[in-house]
Amino acid sequence: MVKINEFHDMDIPKEIIPKPDYDVPSDLLIFMRNDPMFYRKNFFPAIDKYKENTKDTSPIENMIKVGLGQYCDKFNIENPKEEMMGDGDIQDLVRTIIADEMEELDEGIIDTAKNFLNRNLSGDPQFKAWMNAWKEKGPRAAEAMVGPRRHKEYKEKSGWNE
């Protein structure tokens, strides 16, 4: 026979399914970048859309929501998705992804410029100044510095477009 007060002494969890004990957003980001099918079909196209209009983060937000669903399905996580990541977590992850992708984009431009300088115009100080003006202030400032004819010549040699 069981006393009624024994039922009250039991530790009953507030949640039926406990929350994961790891950092879900960072784990999700690793999943989204490392799963080849997800990256090819969702991650890369979302980043590409974002680069077309950097003021609109909705493609990345939607990609994260789709990724969270696939992540939960793949690893049999039964928690509700709203419990796993809230809107604040999604916004933080969007900022992290944008920072990472823009850093890689900047590194690619700088590497391309260095390779170009080493191959073609490494001895031309005016070209170096033009390239710095282009990177720091934009194409109009670079053109104003060297004039339209030289600007066109440097643009053609470098392969950069406005």
N, C-alpha and C. Protein backbone atom coordinates (compact mmCIF):
# COMPACT_ATOMS: atom_id res chain seq x y z
N MET A 1 0.83 -1.17 0.00
CA MET A 1 0.00 0.00 0.00
C MET A 1 0.89 1.25 0.00
N VAL A 2 0.45 2.28 -0.69
CA VAL A 2 1.25 3.50 -0.86
C VAL A 2 0.54 4.64 -0.17
N LYS A 3 1.30 5.39 0.58
CA LYS A 3 0.73 6.57 1.21
C LYS A 3 0.62 7.70 0.19
N ILE A 4 -0.35 8.55 0.36
CA ILE A 4 -0.57 9.67 -0.55
C ILE A 4 0.59 10.66 -0.49
N ASN A 5 1.17 10.87 0.67
CA ASN A 5 2.25 11.86 0.76
C ASN A 5 3.51 11.42 0.01
N GLU A 6 3.64 10.15 -0.30
CA GLU A 6 4.78 9.71 -1.09
C GLU A 6 4.71 10.23 -2.51
N PHE A 7 3.53 10.45 -3.03
CA PHE A 7 3.40 11.01 -4.37
C PHE A 7 3.86 12.47 -4.39
N HIS A 8 3.67 13.17 -3.32
CA HIS A 8 4.05 14.56 -3.26
C HIS A 8 5.56 14.74 -3.08
N ASP A 9 6.24 13.72 -2.61
CA ASP A 9 7.67 13.82 -2.40
C ASP A 9 8.47 13.62 -3.69
N MET A 10 7.83 13.15 -4.73
CA MET A 10 8.54 12.86 -5.99
C MET A 10 8.89 14.16 -6.71
N ASP A 11 10.05 14.17 -7.34
CA ASP A 11 10.44 15.31 -8.17
C ASP A 11 9.83 15.13 -9.55
N ILE A 12 8.87 15.94 -9.85
CA ILE A 12 8.21 15.86 -11.15
C ILE A 12 8.78 16.99 -12.01
N PRO A 13 9.35 16.66 -13.16
CA PRO A 13 9.91 17.72 -14.01
C PRO A 13 8.82 18.64 -14.54
N LYS A 14 9.18 19.90 -14.73
CA LYS A 14 8.23 20.86 -15.26
C LYS A 14 7.96 20.60 -16.74
N GLU A 15 8.93 20.03 -17.42
CA GLU A 15 8.80 19.73 -18.84
C GLU A 15 8.76 18.22 -19.02
N ILE A 16 8.01 17.80 -19.97
CA ILE A 16 7.96 16.37 -20.26
C ILE A 16 9.25 15.94 -20.93
N ILE A 17 9.70 16.73 -21.88
CA ILE A 17 10.96 16.45 -22.57
C ILE A 17 11.96 17.54 -22.15
N PRO A 18 13.06 17.18 -21.52
CA PRO A 18 14.01 18.21 -21.07
C PRO A 18 14.68 18.92 -22.25
N LYS A 19 15.04 20.17 -22.04
CA LYS A 19 15.73 20.95 -23.07
C LYS A 19 17.14 20.39 -23.26
N PRO A 20 17.68 20.52 -24.44
CA PRO A 20 19.06 20.05 -24.67
C PRO A 20 20.03 20.79 -23.76
N ASP A 21 21.07 20.11 -23.35
CA ASP A 21 22.05 20.71 -22.45
C ASP A 21 23.29 21.21 -23.21
N TYR A 22 23.11 21.62 -24.45
CA TYR A 22 24.20 22.16 -25.26
C TYR A 22 23.69 23.41 -25.98
N ASP A 23 24.60 24.12 -26.62
CA ASP A 23 24.26 25.36 -27.30
C ASP A 23 23.63 25.03 -28.66
N VAL A 24 22.32 25.10 -28.73
CA VAL A 24 21.58 24.70 -29.93
C VAL A 24 21.95 25.58 -31.14
N PRO A 25 21.99 26.93 -31.01
CA PRO A 25 22.31 27.74 -32.20
C PRO A 25 23.67 27.40 -32.83
N SER A 26 24.70 27.23 -32.01
CA SER A 26 26.01 26.92 -32.59
C SER A 26 26.03 25.52 -33.19
N ASP A 27 25.34 24.57 -32.57
CA ASP A 27 25.26 23.22 -33.11
C ASP A 27 24.48 23.22 -34.43
N LEU A 28 23.41 24.02 -34.46
CA LEU A 28 22.61 24.14 -35.69
C LEU A 28 23.44 24.73 -36.81
N LEU A 29 24.24 25.75 -36.50
CA LEU A 29 25.09 26.38 -37.52
C LEU A 29 26.09 25.38 -38.09
N ILE A 30 26.67 24.57 -37.24
CA ILE A 30 27.60 23.53 -37.70
C ILE A 30 26.87 22.54 -38.61
N PHE A 31 25.68 22.14 -38.20
CA PHE A 31 24.88 21.22 -39.02
C PHE A 31 24.59 21.84 -40.39
N MET A 32 24.15 23.11 -40.40
CA MET A 32 23.76 23.74 -41.67
C MET A 32 24.94 23.90 -42.61
N ARG A 33 26.12 24.14 -42.07
CA ARG A 33 27.30 24.30 -42.93
C ARG A 33 27.89 22.96 -43.37
N ASN A 34 27.74 21.93 -42.56
CA ASN A 34 28.41 20.66 -42.86
C ASN A 34 27.53 19.63 -43.54
N ASP A 35 26.22 19.79 -43.52
CA ASP A 35 25.35 18.85 -44.22
C ASP A 35 25.35 19.25 -45.70
N PRO A 36 25.90 18.40 -46.58
CA PRO A 36 26.08 18.81 -47.98
C PRO A 36 24.77 19.16 -48.68
N MET A 37 23.72 18.40 -48.46
CA MET A 37 22.45 18.67 -49.15
C MET A 37 21.82 19.97 -48.63
N PHE A 38 21.85 20.17 -47.33
CA PHE A 38 21.27 21.39 -46.78
C PHE A 38 22.04 22.61 -47.26
N TYR A 39 23.36 22.50 -47.24
CA TYR A 39 24.19 23.64 -47.66
C TYR A 39 23.89 24.01 -49.12
N ARG A 40 23.84 22.99 -49.96
CA ARG A 40 23.66 23.24 -51.39
C ARG A 40 22.26 23.76 -51.71
N LYS A 41 21.26 23.21 -51.05
CA LYS A 41 19.87 23.56 -51.39
C LYS A 41 19.33 24.75 -50.60
N ASN A 42 19.88 25.02 -49.41
CA ASN A 42 19.30 26.06 -48.56
C ASN A 42 20.29 27.15 -48.15
N PHE A 43 21.41 26.75 -47.58
CA PHE A 43 22.34 27.72 -47.00
C PHE A 43 22.92 28.64 -48.06
N PHE A 44 23.54 28.08 -49.08
CA PHE A 44 24.18 28.89 -50.11
C PHE A 44 23.18 29.79 -50.84
N PRO A 45 22.01 29.27 -51.27
CA PRO A 45 21.05 30.17 -51.93
C PRO A 45 20.56 31.31 -51.02
N ALA A 46 20.40 31.04 -49.73
CA ALA A 46 19.95 32.10 -48.81
C ALA A 46 21.01 33.19 -48.68
N ILE A 47 22.26 32.80 -48.58
CA ILE A 47 23.35 33.77 -48.49
C ILE A 47 23.44 34.56 -49.79
N ASP A 48 23.27 33.89 -50.91
CA ASP A 48 23.32 34.56 -52.21
C ASP A 48 22.20 35.59 -52.33
N LYS A 49 21.00 35.24 -51.88
CA LYS A 49 19.88 36.19 -51.89
C LYS A 49 20.15 37.37 -50.97
N TYR A 50 20.73 37.09 -49.83
CA TYR A 50 21.05 38.17 -48.89
C TYR A 50 22.06 39.13 -49.51
N LYS A 51 23.04 38.62 -50.22
CA LYS A 51 24.06 39.49 -50.83
C LYS A 51 23.48 40.39 -51.90
N GLU A 52 22.36 39.97 -52.53
CA GLU A 52 21.70 40.83 -53.51
C GLU A 52 21.04 42.02 -52.83
N ASN A 53 20.49 41.83 -51.63
CA ASN A 53 19.85 42.91 -50.88
C ASN A 53 20.24 42.75 -49.42
N THR A 54 21.28 43.45 -48.99
CA THR A 54 21.82 43.26 -47.64
C THR A 54 20.93 43.85 -46.56
N LYS A 55 19.88 44.55 -46.92
CA LYS A 55 18.97 45.10 -45.92
C LYS A 55 17.89 44.08 -45.52
N ASP A 56 17.69 43.05 -46.33
CA ASP A 56 16.65 42.06 -46.09
C ASP A 56 17.27 40.76 -45.56
N THR A 57 17.05 40.47 -44.27
CA THR A 57 17.61 39.27 -43.68
C THR A 57 16.63 38.10 -43.68
N SER A 58 15.45 38.30 -44.26
CA SER A 58 14.44 37.23 -44.23
C SER A 58 14.88 35.93 -44.90
N PRO A 59 15.67 35.96 -46.00
CA PRO A 59 16.12 34.67 -46.55
C PRO A 59 16.94 33.86 -45.55
N ILE A 60 17.77 34.54 -44.78
CA ILE A 60 18.60 33.82 -43.80
C ILE A 60 17.73 33.33 -42.64
N GLU A 61 16.78 34.16 -42.20
CA GLU A 61 15.88 33.74 -41.13
C GLU A 61 15.08 32.51 -41.54
N ASN A 62 14.54 32.53 -42.75
CA ASN A 62 13.77 31.38 -43.24
C ASN A 62 14.65 30.14 -43.36
N MET A 63 15.89 30.33 -43.81
CA MET A 63 16.83 29.22 -43.93
C MET A 63 17.11 28.61 -42.56
N ILE A 64 17.23 29.45 -41.53
CA ILE A 64 17.49 28.95 -40.17
C ILE A 64 16.30 28.14 -39.67
N LYS A 65 15.08 28.61 -39.94
CA LYS A 65 13.88 27.89 -39.50
C LYS A 65 13.77 26.53 -40.20
N VAL A 66 14.06 26.51 -41.50
CA VAL A 66 14.05 25.24 -42.23
C VAL A 66 15.16 24.33 -41.69
N GLY A 67 16.32 24.91 -41.44
CA GLY A 67 17.44 24.14 -40.90
C GLY A 67 17.13 23.54 -39.54
N LEU A 68 16.45 24.30 -38.69
CA LEU A 68 16.08 23.79 -37.37
C LEU A 68 15.14 22.59 -37.50
N GLY A 69 14.21 22.68 -38.44
CA GLY A 69 13.31 21.54 -38.67
C GLY A 69 14.05 20.31 -39.13
N GLN A 70 14.95 20.47 -40.10
CA GLN A 70 15.72 19.33 -40.60
C GLN A 70 16.67 18.79 -39.52
N TYR A 71 17.23 19.69 -38.73
CA TYR A 71 18.12 19.30 -37.64
C TYR A 71 17.37 18.42 -36.63
N CYS A 72 16.17 18.86 -36.25
CA CYS A 72 15.37 18.09 -35.29
C CYS A 72 14.95 16.74 -35.88
N ASP A 73 14.61 16.73 -37.16
CA ASP A 73 14.22 15.46 -37.80
C ASP A 73 15.40 14.50 -37.88
N LYS A 74 16.54 15.02 -38.29
CA LYS A 74 17.70 14.16 -38.49
C LYS A 74 18.19 13.54 -37.19
N PHE A 75 18.16 14.31 -36.10
CA PHE A 75 18.68 13.82 -34.83
C PHE A 75 17.58 13.40 -33.85
N ASN A 76 16.36 13.23 -34.35
CA ASN A 76 15.21 12.76 -33.55
C ASN A 76 15.02 13.57 -32.26
N ILE A 77 15.02 14.88 -32.39
CA ILE A 77 14.80 15.76 -31.24
C ILE A 77 13.31 16.07 -31.19
N GLU A 78 12.69 15.74 -30.08
CA GLU A 78 11.24 15.85 -29.98
C GLU A 78 10.78 17.17 -29.36
N ASN A 79 11.70 18.00 -28.92
CA ASN A 79 11.31 19.29 -28.33
C ASN A 79 10.62 20.16 -29.37
N PRO A 80 9.66 20.97 -28.92
CA PRO A 80 9.07 21.94 -29.86
C PRO A 80 10.15 22.93 -30.33
N LYS A 81 10.09 23.28 -31.59
CA LYS A 81 11.12 24.15 -32.18
C LYS A 81 11.17 25.52 -31.50
N GLU A 82 10.01 26.00 -31.01
CA GLU A 82 9.97 27.30 -30.34
C GLU A 82 10.74 27.26 -29.02
N GLU A 83 10.78 26.09 -28.38
CA GLU A 83 11.54 25.93 -27.15
C GLU A 83 13.03 25.85 -27.44
N MET A 84 13.39 25.25 -28.56
CA MET A 84 14.79 25.06 -28.92
C MET A 84 15.47 26.40 -29.19
N MET A 85 14.81 27.24 -30.00
CA MET A 85 15.38 28.54 -30.37
C MET A 85 14.25 29.56 -30.45
N GLY A 86 14.40 30.63 -29.71
CA GLY A 86 13.44 31.72 -29.77
C GLY A 86 13.83 32.72 -30.85
N ASP A 87 13.03 33.77 -30.98
CA ASP A 87 13.32 34.80 -31.99
C ASP A 87 14.66 35.48 -31.74
N GLY A 88 14.99 35.70 -30.48
CA GLY A 88 16.28 36.31 -30.16
C GLY A 88 17.45 35.44 -30.59
N ASP A 89 17.33 34.13 -30.37
CA ASP A 89 18.38 33.20 -30.80
C ASP A 89 18.53 33.22 -32.32
N ILE A 90 17.40 33.28 -33.02
CA ILE A 90 17.44 33.31 -34.49
C ILE A 90 18.13 34.58 -34.97
N GLN A 91 17.79 35.73 -34.36
CA GLN A 91 18.42 36.99 -34.76
C GLN A 91 19.92 36.98 -34.47
N ASP A 92 20.32 36.41 -33.35
CA ASP A 92 21.75 36.30 -33.03
C ASP A 92 22.47 35.43 -34.05
N LEU A 93 21.82 34.32 -34.43
CA LEU A 93 22.42 33.43 -35.42
C LEU A 93 22.50 34.11 -36.78
N VAL A 94 21.49 34.90 -37.14
CA VAL A 94 21.53 35.66 -38.40
C VAL A 94 22.74 36.59 -38.39
N ARG A 95 22.94 37.32 -37.29
CA ARG A 95 24.09 38.24 -37.21
C ARG A 95 25.41 37.48 -37.30
N THR A 96 25.49 36.32 -36.67
CA THR A 96 26.71 35.52 -36.73
C THR A 96 27.00 35.07 -38.16
N ILE A 97 25.97 34.59 -38.84
CA ILE A 97 26.15 34.11 -40.22
C ILE A 97 26.57 35.26 -41.12
N ILE A 98 25.92 36.40 -40.98
CA ILE A 98 26.25 37.56 -41.83
C ILE A 98 27.69 37.99 -41.57
N ALA A 99 28.09 38.07 -40.32
CA ALA A 99 29.47 38.47 -40.00
C ALA A 99 30.47 37.49 -40.60
N ASP A 100 30.21 36.19 -40.47
CA ASP A 100 31.12 35.18 -41.02
C ASP A 100 31.20 35.27 -42.54
N GLU A 101 30.06 35.39 -43.19
CA GLU A 101 30.04 35.41 -44.65
C GLU A 101 30.67 36.68 -45.21
N MET A 102 30.41 37.82 -44.59
CA MET A 102 31.00 39.07 -45.06
C MET A 102 32.50 39.09 -44.84
N GLU A 103 32.96 38.48 -43.74
CA GLU A 103 34.39 38.38 -43.48
C GLU A 103 35.06 37.55 -44.57
N GLU A 104 34.44 36.43 -44.94
CA GLU A 104 34.99 35.59 -46.00
C GLU A 104 34.97 36.32 -47.34
N LEU A 105 33.91 37.09 -47.61
CA LEU A 105 33.82 37.85 -48.85
C LEU A 105 34.92 38.89 -48.90
N ASP A 106 35.14 39.62 -47.79
CA ASP A 106 36.19 40.63 -47.74
C ASP A 106 37.56 40.00 -47.94
N GLU A 107 37.80 38.85 -47.29
CA GLU A 107 39.08 38.17 -47.46
C GLU A 107 39.28 37.77 -48.91
N GLY A 108 38.24 37.33 -49.57
CA GLY A 108 38.34 36.95 -50.98
C GLY A 108 38.70 38.13 -51.85
N ILE A 109 38.10 39.29 -51.60
CA ILE A 109 38.41 40.49 -52.39
C ILE A 109 39.85 40.91 -52.15
N ILE A 110 40.28 40.89 -50.91
CA ILE A 110 41.65 41.30 -50.60
C ILE A 110 42.64 40.35 -51.24
N ASP A 111 42.40 39.03 -51.16
CA ASP A 111 43.30 38.07 -51.78
C ASP A 111 43.35 38.25 -53.29
N THR A 112 42.19 38.50 -53.91
CA THR A 112 42.15 38.73 -55.35
C THR A 112 42.95 39.96 -55.72
N ALA A 113 42.80 41.01 -54.95
CA ALA A 113 43.53 42.25 -55.22
C ALA A 113 45.03 42.03 -55.07
N LYS A 114 45.45 41.31 -54.03
CA LYS A 114 46.88 41.06 -53.84
C LYS A 114 47.44 40.24 -55.00
N ASN A 115 46.72 39.20 -55.39
CA ASN A 115 47.19 38.37 -56.52
C ASN A 115 47.29 39.19 -57.79
N PHE A 116 46.30 40.06 -58.00
CA PHE A 116 46.31 40.89 -59.20
C PHE A 116 47.50 41.84 -59.18
N LEU A 117 47.75 42.45 -58.04
CA LEU A 117 48.88 43.38 -57.93
C LEU A 117 50.19 42.66 -58.21
N ASN A 118 50.33 41.49 -57.65
CA ASN A 118 51.58 40.75 -57.85
C ASN A 118 51.77 40.37 -59.32
N ARG A 119 50.67 40.09 -60.04
CA ARG A 119 50.78 39.66 -61.43
C ARG A 119 50.93 40.82 -62.40
N ASN A 120 50.20 41.93 -62.20
CA ASN A 120 50.08 42.92 -63.25
C ASN A 120 50.70 44.28 -62.96
N LEU A 121 50.26 44.94 -61.92
CA LEU A 121 50.61 46.33 -61.75
C LEU A 121 51.33 46.59 -60.43
N SER A 122 52.15 45.68 -60.00
CA SER A 122 52.74 45.82 -58.68
C SER A 122 53.68 47.01 -58.58
N GLY A 123 54.21 47.49 -59.69
CA GLY A 123 55.12 48.63 -59.65
C GLY A 123 54.44 49.97 -59.83
N ASP A 124 53.15 50.01 -60.02
CA ASP A 124 52.43 51.25 -60.30
C ASP A 124 51.80 51.79 -59.01
N PRO A 125 52.41 52.82 -58.40
CA PRO A 125 51.85 53.35 -57.15
C PRO A 125 50.48 54.00 -57.34
N GLN A 126 50.24 54.54 -58.54
CA GLN A 126 48.93 55.15 -58.78
C GLN A 126 47.83 54.07 -58.77
N PHE A 127 48.14 52.90 -59.33
CA PHE A 127 47.17 51.82 -59.30
C PHE A 127 46.90 51.37 -57.86
N LYS A 128 47.95 51.29 -57.04
CA LYS A 128 47.77 50.91 -55.64
C LYS A 128 46.87 51.92 -54.92
N ALA A 129 47.10 53.19 -55.16
CA ALA A 129 46.27 54.23 -54.53
C ALA A 129 44.83 54.14 -55.04
N TRP A 130 44.67 53.88 -56.35
CA TRP A 130 43.34 53.74 -56.94
C TRP A 130 42.60 52.57 -56.30
N MET A 131 43.30 51.44 -56.12
CA MET A 131 42.67 50.25 -55.53
C MET A 131 42.27 50.52 -54.08
N ASN A 132 43.12 51.20 -53.33
CA ASN A 132 42.77 51.53 -51.95
C ASN A 132 41.56 52.45 -51.90
N ALA A 133 41.51 53.44 -52.80
CA ALA A 133 40.35 54.34 -52.84
C ALA A 133 39.09 53.56 -53.19
N TRP A 134 39.20 52.61 -54.12
CA TRP A 134 38.04 51.79 -54.52
C TRP A 134 37.52 51.00 -53.32
N LYS A 135 38.44 50.35 -52.59
CA LYS A 135 38.03 49.52 -51.46
C LYS A 135 37.47 50.35 -50.31
N GLU A 136 38.08 51.49 -50.03
CA GLU A 136 37.69 52.26 -48.85
C GLU A 136 36.53 53.22 -49.11
N LYS A 137 36.52 53.85 -50.28
CA LYS A 137 35.53 54.91 -50.53
C LYS A 137 34.56 54.60 -51.66
N GLY A 138 34.88 53.59 -52.45
CA GLY A 138 33.98 53.20 -53.53
C GLY A 138 34.50 53.60 -54.90
N PRO A 139 33.82 53.14 -55.97
CA PRO A 139 34.31 53.37 -57.33
C PRO A 139 34.30 54.84 -57.75
N ARG A 140 33.35 55.61 -57.26
CA ARG A 140 33.31 57.03 -57.67
C ARG A 140 34.52 57.80 -57.14
N ALA A 141 34.91 57.50 -55.91
CA ALA A 141 36.09 58.15 -55.34
C ALA A 141 37.35 57.74 -56.10
N ALA A 142 37.42 56.48 -56.49
CA ALA A 142 38.58 56.00 -57.24
C ALA A 142 38.65 56.69 -58.60
N GLU A 143 37.51 56.85 -59.24
CA GLU A 143 37.48 57.54 -60.54
C GLU A 143 37.87 59.00 -60.39
N ALA A 144 37.38 59.65 -59.35
CA ALA A 144 37.71 61.06 -59.13
C ALA A 144 39.20 61.24 -58.89
N MET A 145 39.84 60.24 -58.31
CA MET A 145 41.26 60.34 -58.01
C MET A 145 42.13 60.26 -59.27
N VAL A 146 41.79 59.38 -60.22
CA VAL A 146 42.67 59.16 -61.37
C VAL A 146 42.09 59.68 -62.69
N GLY A 147 40.83 60.06 -62.70
CA GLY A 147 40.20 60.51 -63.93
C GLY A 147 39.50 59.37 -64.64
N PRO A 148 38.52 59.72 -65.51
CA PRO A 148 37.69 58.67 -66.14
C PRO A 148 38.46 57.73 -67.06
N ARG A 149 39.43 58.27 -67.82
CA ARG A 149 40.15 57.42 -68.77
C ARG A 149 41.01 56.38 -68.02
N ARG A 150 41.78 56.82 -67.04
CA ARG A 150 42.64 55.91 -66.28
C ARG A 150 41.80 54.96 -65.44
N HIS A 151 40.68 55.47 -64.91
CA HIS A 151 39.77 54.63 -64.13
C HIS A 151 39.26 53.46 -64.97
N LYS A 152 38.86 53.77 -66.20
CA LYS A 152 38.36 52.72 -67.11
C LYS A 152 39.47 51.71 -67.40
N GLU A 153 40.67 52.19 -67.62
CA GLU A 153 41.81 51.32 -67.90
C GLU A 153 42.09 50.39 -66.72
N TYR A 154 42.13 50.94 -65.50
CA TYR A 154 42.39 50.13 -64.31
C TYR A 154 41.27 49.13 -64.07
N LYS A 155 40.04 49.57 -64.32
CA LYS A 155 38.90 48.68 -64.12
C LYS A 155 38.99 47.48 -65.07
N GLU A 156 39.32 47.74 -66.32
CA GLU A 156 39.43 46.65 -67.31
C GLU A 156 40.56 45.70 -66.95
N LYS A 157 41.69 46.24 -66.53
CA LYS A 157 42.83 45.40 -66.17
C LYS A 157 42.55 44.57 -64.92
N SER A 158 41.84 45.18 -63.98
CA SER A 158 41.58 44.47 -62.73
C SER A 158 40.41 43.51 -62.81
N GLY A 159 39.48 43.77 -63.73
CA GLY A 159 38.30 42.93 -63.84
C GLY A 159 37.22 43.29 -62.85
N TRP A 160 37.35 44.42 -62.18
CA TRP A 160 36.34 44.87 -61.21
C TRP A 160 35.25 45.63 -61.94
N ASN A 161 34.03 45.44 -61.52
CA ASN A 161 32.90 46.15 -62.09
C ASN A 161 32.22 46.95 -61.00
N GLU A 162 31.51 47.99 -61.44
CA GLU A 162 30.76 48.82 -60.46
C GLU A 162 29.42 48.21 -60.19
